[in-house]
Amino acid sequence: MTTPAPVSAGSRRLPHPPREEIRLETVLQALSDPMRLSIVRELAAGGDELSCSHFDLPVTKSTTTHHFRVLRESGVIRQVYRGTAKMNGLRTDDLDALFPGLLGTVLDAAGRQAARLGG
């Protein structure tokens, strides 16, 4: 995988892997963390972009930032600035084109697990 081009400190653009560079093992690794999976589940339920501040995660701000960065760099989410807010959306089209049914299957399994475990 090619390393994303560096983004200058004053830039409001964030690096994302192009569709053709998204790797299955990287996506699965990103989704294997319970906190990141909960972010993806919430994004899928929201159906649109959600700001980082929308998420009330039980971790520090720096850890939250790390989780979003892992999801972005793996190709699971796209982050864009809208004014001062960093908006997040699932890259459903890209993931479905590369790995048909994967995201839906993972989200369905995560939902069934949450129901089974009471969370």
C-alpha atoms as a PDB file:
ATOM      1  CA  MET A   1       0.000   0.000   0.000  1.00  0.00           C
ATOM      2  CA  THR A   2       1.258   3.442  -0.862  1.00  0.00           C
ATOM      3  CA  THR A   3       1.718   5.856   2.018  1.00  0.00           C
ATOM      4  CA  PRO A   4      -0.718   8.782   1.722  1.00  0.00           C
ATOM      5  CA  ALA A   5       0.817  12.092   0.771  1.00  0.00           C
ATOM      6  CA  PRO A   6       1.581  14.261   3.802  1.00  0.00           C
ATOM      7  CA  VAL A   7      -0.878  17.003   4.557  1.00  0.00           C
ATOM      8  CA  SER A   8       0.504  20.393   5.499  1.00  0.00           C
ATOM      9  CA  ALA A   9      -0.314  21.815   8.921  1.00  0.00           C
ATOM     10  CA  GLY A  10      -2.528  24.532   7.435  1.00  0.00           C
ATOM     11  CA  SER A  11      -4.395  22.188   5.102  1.00  0.00           C
ATOM     12  CA  ARG A  12      -7.991  21.190   5.763  1.00  0.00           C
ATOM     13  CA  ARG A  13      -7.775  18.066   3.594  1.00  0.00           C
ATOM     14  CA  LEU A  14      -7.187  14.675   5.151  1.00  0.00           C
ATOM     15  CA  PRO A  15      -5.428  11.803   3.351  1.00  0.00           C
ATOM     16  CA  HIS A  16      -7.566   8.819   2.330  1.00  0.00           C
ATOM     17  CA  PRO A  17      -6.458   5.699   0.480  1.00  0.00           C
ATOM     18  CA  PRO A  18      -7.796   5.494  -3.054  1.00  0.00           C
ATOM     19  CA  ARG A  19     -10.301   2.672  -3.596  1.00  0.00           C
ATOM     20  CA  GLU A  20      -7.766   0.491  -5.410  1.00  0.00           C
ATOM     21  CA  GLU A  21      -5.385   0.626  -2.424  1.00  0.00           C
ATOM     22  CA  ILE A  22      -7.871  -0.448   0.253  1.00  0.00           C
ATOM     23  CA  ARG A  23      -6.801  -3.850   1.607  1.00  0.00           C
ATOM     24  CA  LEU A  24      -9.073  -6.463   3.167  1.00  0.00           C
ATOM     25  CA  GLU A  25      -6.718  -7.211   6.043  1.00  0.00           C
ATOM     26  CA  THR A  26      -6.455  -3.510   6.927  1.00  0.00           C
ATOM     27  CA  VAL A  27     -10.242  -3.101   6.910  1.00  0.00           C
ATOM     28  CA  LEU A  28     -10.705  -6.200   9.069  1.00  0.00           C
ATOM     29  CA  GLN A  29      -8.046  -5.006  11.502  1.00  0.00           C
ATOM     30  CA  ALA A  30      -9.753  -1.607  11.791  1.00  0.00           C
ATOM     31  CA  LEU A  31     -13.122  -3.267  12.406  1.00  0.00           C
ATOM     32  CA  SER A  32     -11.708  -5.708  14.974  1.00  0.00           C
ATOM     33  CA  ASP A  33     -11.511  -3.048  17.695  1.00  0.00           C
ATOM     34  CA  PRO A  34     -14.776  -2.770  19.686  1.00  0.00           C
ATOM     35  CA  MET A  35     -14.576   1.042  19.896  1.00  0.00           C
ATOM     36  CA  ARG A  36     -14.029   1.430  16.150  1.00  0.00           C
ATOM     37  CA  LEU A  37     -16.771  -1.071  15.411  1.00  0.00           C
ATOM     38  CA  SER A  38     -19.169   0.954  17.567  1.00  0.00           C
ATOM     39  CA  ILE A  39     -18.240   4.091  15.578  1.00  0.00           C
ATOM     40  CA  VAL A  40     -18.953   2.268  12.308  1.00  0.00           C
ATOM     41  CA  ARG A  41     -22.254   0.928  13.655  1.00  0.00           C
ATOM     42  CA  GLU A  42     -23.310   4.436  14.680  1.00  0.00           C
ATOM     43  CA  LEU A  43     -22.327   5.853  11.291  1.00  0.00           C
ATOM     44  CA  ALA A  44     -24.304   3.116   9.537  1.00  0.00           C
ATOM     45  CA  ALA A  45     -27.347   3.791  11.724  1.00  0.00           C
ATOM     46  CA  GLY A  46     -27.075   7.544  11.118  1.00  0.00           C
ATOM     47  CA  GLY A  47     -27.228   7.028   7.368  1.00  0.00           C
ATOM     48  CA  ASP A  48     -25.293  10.229   6.660  1.00  0.00           C
ATOM     49  CA  GLU A  49     -22.244  12.089   7.849  1.00  0.00           C
ATOM     50  CA  LEU A  50     -21.789  12.617  11.568  1.00  0.00           C
ATOM     51  CA  SER A  51     -19.366  15.009  13.236  1.00  0.00           C
ATOM     52  CA  CYS A  52     -16.675  13.717  15.568  1.00  0.00           C
ATOM     53  CA  SER A  53     -18.349  15.611  18.403  1.00  0.00           C
ATOM     54  CA  HIS A  54     -21.506  13.527  17.874  1.00  0.00           C
ATOM     55  CA  PHE A  55     -19.750  10.480  19.337  1.00  0.00           C
ATOM     56  CA  ASP A  56     -19.661  10.147  23.101  1.00  0.00           C
ATOM     57  CA  LEU A  57     -16.909   7.581  23.498  1.00  0.00           C
ATOM     58  CA  PRO A  58     -15.640   6.459  26.924  1.00  0.00           C
ATOM     59  CA  VAL A  59     -12.027   7.277  26.007  1.00  0.00           C
ATOM     60  CA  THR A  60      -9.815  10.356  25.901  1.00  0.00           C
ATOM     61  CA  LYS A  61      -9.979  12.800  23.015  1.00  0.00           C
ATOM     62  CA  SER A  62      -6.570  11.665  21.755  1.00  0.00           C
ATOM     63  CA  THR A  63      -7.703   8.024  21.767  1.00  0.00           C
ATOM     64  CA  THR A  64     -10.889   8.996  19.927  1.00  0.00           C
ATOM     65  CA  THR A  65      -8.768  10.816  17.339  1.00  0.00           C
ATOM     66  CA  HIS A  66      -6.612   7.695  16.959  1.00  0.00           C
ATOM     67  CA  HIS A  67      -9.669   5.484  16.332  1.00  0.00           C
ATOM     68  CA  PHE A  68     -11.008   7.828  13.656  1.00  0.00           C
ATOM     69  CA  ARG A  69      -7.568   8.009  12.018  1.00  0.00           C
ATOM     70  CA  VAL A  70      -7.312   4.198  11.868  1.00  0.00           C
ATOM     71  CA  LEU A  71     -10.765   3.986  10.281  1.00  0.00           C
ATOM     72  CA  ARG A  72      -9.884   6.710   7.747  1.00  0.00           C
ATOM     73  CA  GLU A  73      -6.466   5.311   6.847  1.00  0.00           C
ATOM     74  CA  SER A  74      -7.904   1.816   6.398  1.00  0.00           C
ATOM     75  CA  GLY A  75     -10.506   3.126   3.956  1.00  0.00           C
ATOM     76  CA  VAL A  76     -13.552   2.393   6.144  1.00  0.00           C
ATOM     77  CA  ILE A  77     -14.578   6.046   6.574  1.00  0.00           C
ATOM     78  CA  ARG A  78     -14.118   9.334   4.775  1.00  0.00           C
ATOM     79  CA  GLN A  79     -13.476  12.456   6.851  1.00  0.00           C
ATOM     80  CA  VAL A  80     -14.002  15.961   5.530  1.00  0.00           C
ATOM     81  CA  TYR A  81     -14.062  19.348   7.153  1.00  0.00           C
ATOM     82  CA  ARG A  82     -17.312  21.277   6.939  1.00  0.00           C
ATOM     83  CA  GLY A  83     -16.478  24.626   8.490  1.00  0.00           C
ATOM     84  CA  THR A  84     -14.836  23.773  11.792  1.00  0.00           C
ATOM     85  CA  ALA A  85     -16.489  20.356  12.122  1.00  0.00           C
ATOM     86  CA  LYS A  86     -14.791  17.171  10.991  1.00  0.00           C
ATOM     87  CA  MET A  87     -17.524  15.078   9.378  1.00  0.00           C
ATOM     88  CA  ASN A  88     -17.377  11.302   9.074  1.00  0.00           C
ATOM     89  CA  GLY A  89     -19.124   8.985   6.648  1.00  0.00           C
ATOM     90  CA  LEU A  90     -18.786   5.342   5.742  1.00  0.00           C
ATOM     91  CA  ARG A  91     -17.149   4.512   2.415  1.00  0.00           C
ATOM     92  CA  THR A  92     -19.930   2.024   1.728  1.00  0.00           C
ATOM     93  CA  ASP A  93     -19.698   2.263  -2.074  1.00  0.00           C
ATOM     94  CA  ASP A  94     -15.953   1.621  -2.060  1.00  0.00           C
ATOM     95  CA  LEU A  95     -16.149  -1.240   0.430  1.00  0.00           C
ATOM     96  CA  ASP A  96     -19.093  -2.873  -1.354  1.00  0.00           C
ATOM     97  CA  ALA A  97     -17.310  -2.619  -4.703  1.00  0.00           C
ATOM     98  CA  LEU A  98     -14.162  -4.239  -3.323  1.00  0.00           C
ATOM     99  CA  PHE A  99     -15.651  -6.679  -0.804  1.00  0.00           C
ATOM    100  CA  PRO A 100     -19.331  -7.273  -1.688  1.00  0.00           C
ATOM    101  CA  GLY A 101     -21.448  -7.887   1.402  1.00  0.00           C
ATOM    102  CA  LEU A 102     -18.597  -7.532   3.902  1.00  0.00           C
ATOM    103  CA  LEU A 103     -19.703  -4.330   5.616  1.00  0.00           C
ATOM    104  CA  GLY A 104     -23.343  -5.407   5.798  1.00  0.00           C
ATOM    105  CA  THR A 105     -22.393  -8.819   7.176  1.00  0.00           C
ATOM    106  CA  VAL A 106     -20.078  -7.324   9.814  1.00  0.00           C
ATOM    107  CA  LEU A 107     -22.698  -4.761  10.867  1.00  0.00           C
ATOM    108  CA  ASP A 108     -25.400  -7.431  11.056  1.00  0.00           C
ATOM    109  CA  ALA A 109     -23.163  -9.714  13.135  1.00  0.00           C
ATOM    110  CA  ALA A 110     -22.193  -6.836  15.434  1.00  0.00           C
ATOM    111  CA  GLY A 111     -25.850  -5.968  15.954  1.00  0.00           C
ATOM    112  CA  ARG A 112     -26.737  -9.567  16.785  1.00  0.00           C
ATOM    113  CA  GLN A 113     -23.815  -9.755  19.196  1.00  0.00           C
ATOM    114  CA  ALA A 114     -24.843  -6.506  20.908  1.00  0.00           C
ATOM    115  CA  ALA A 115     -28.401  -7.821  21.309  1.00  0.00           C
ATOM    116  CA  ARG A 116     -27.133 -11.128  22.691  1.00  0.00           C
ATOM    117  CA  LEU A 117     -24.774  -9.431  25.161  1.00  0.00           C
ATOM    118  CA  GLY A 118     -27.251  -6.727  26.129  1.00  0.00           C
ATOM    119  CA  GLY A 119     -25.281  -3.822  24.665  1.00  0.00           C
END
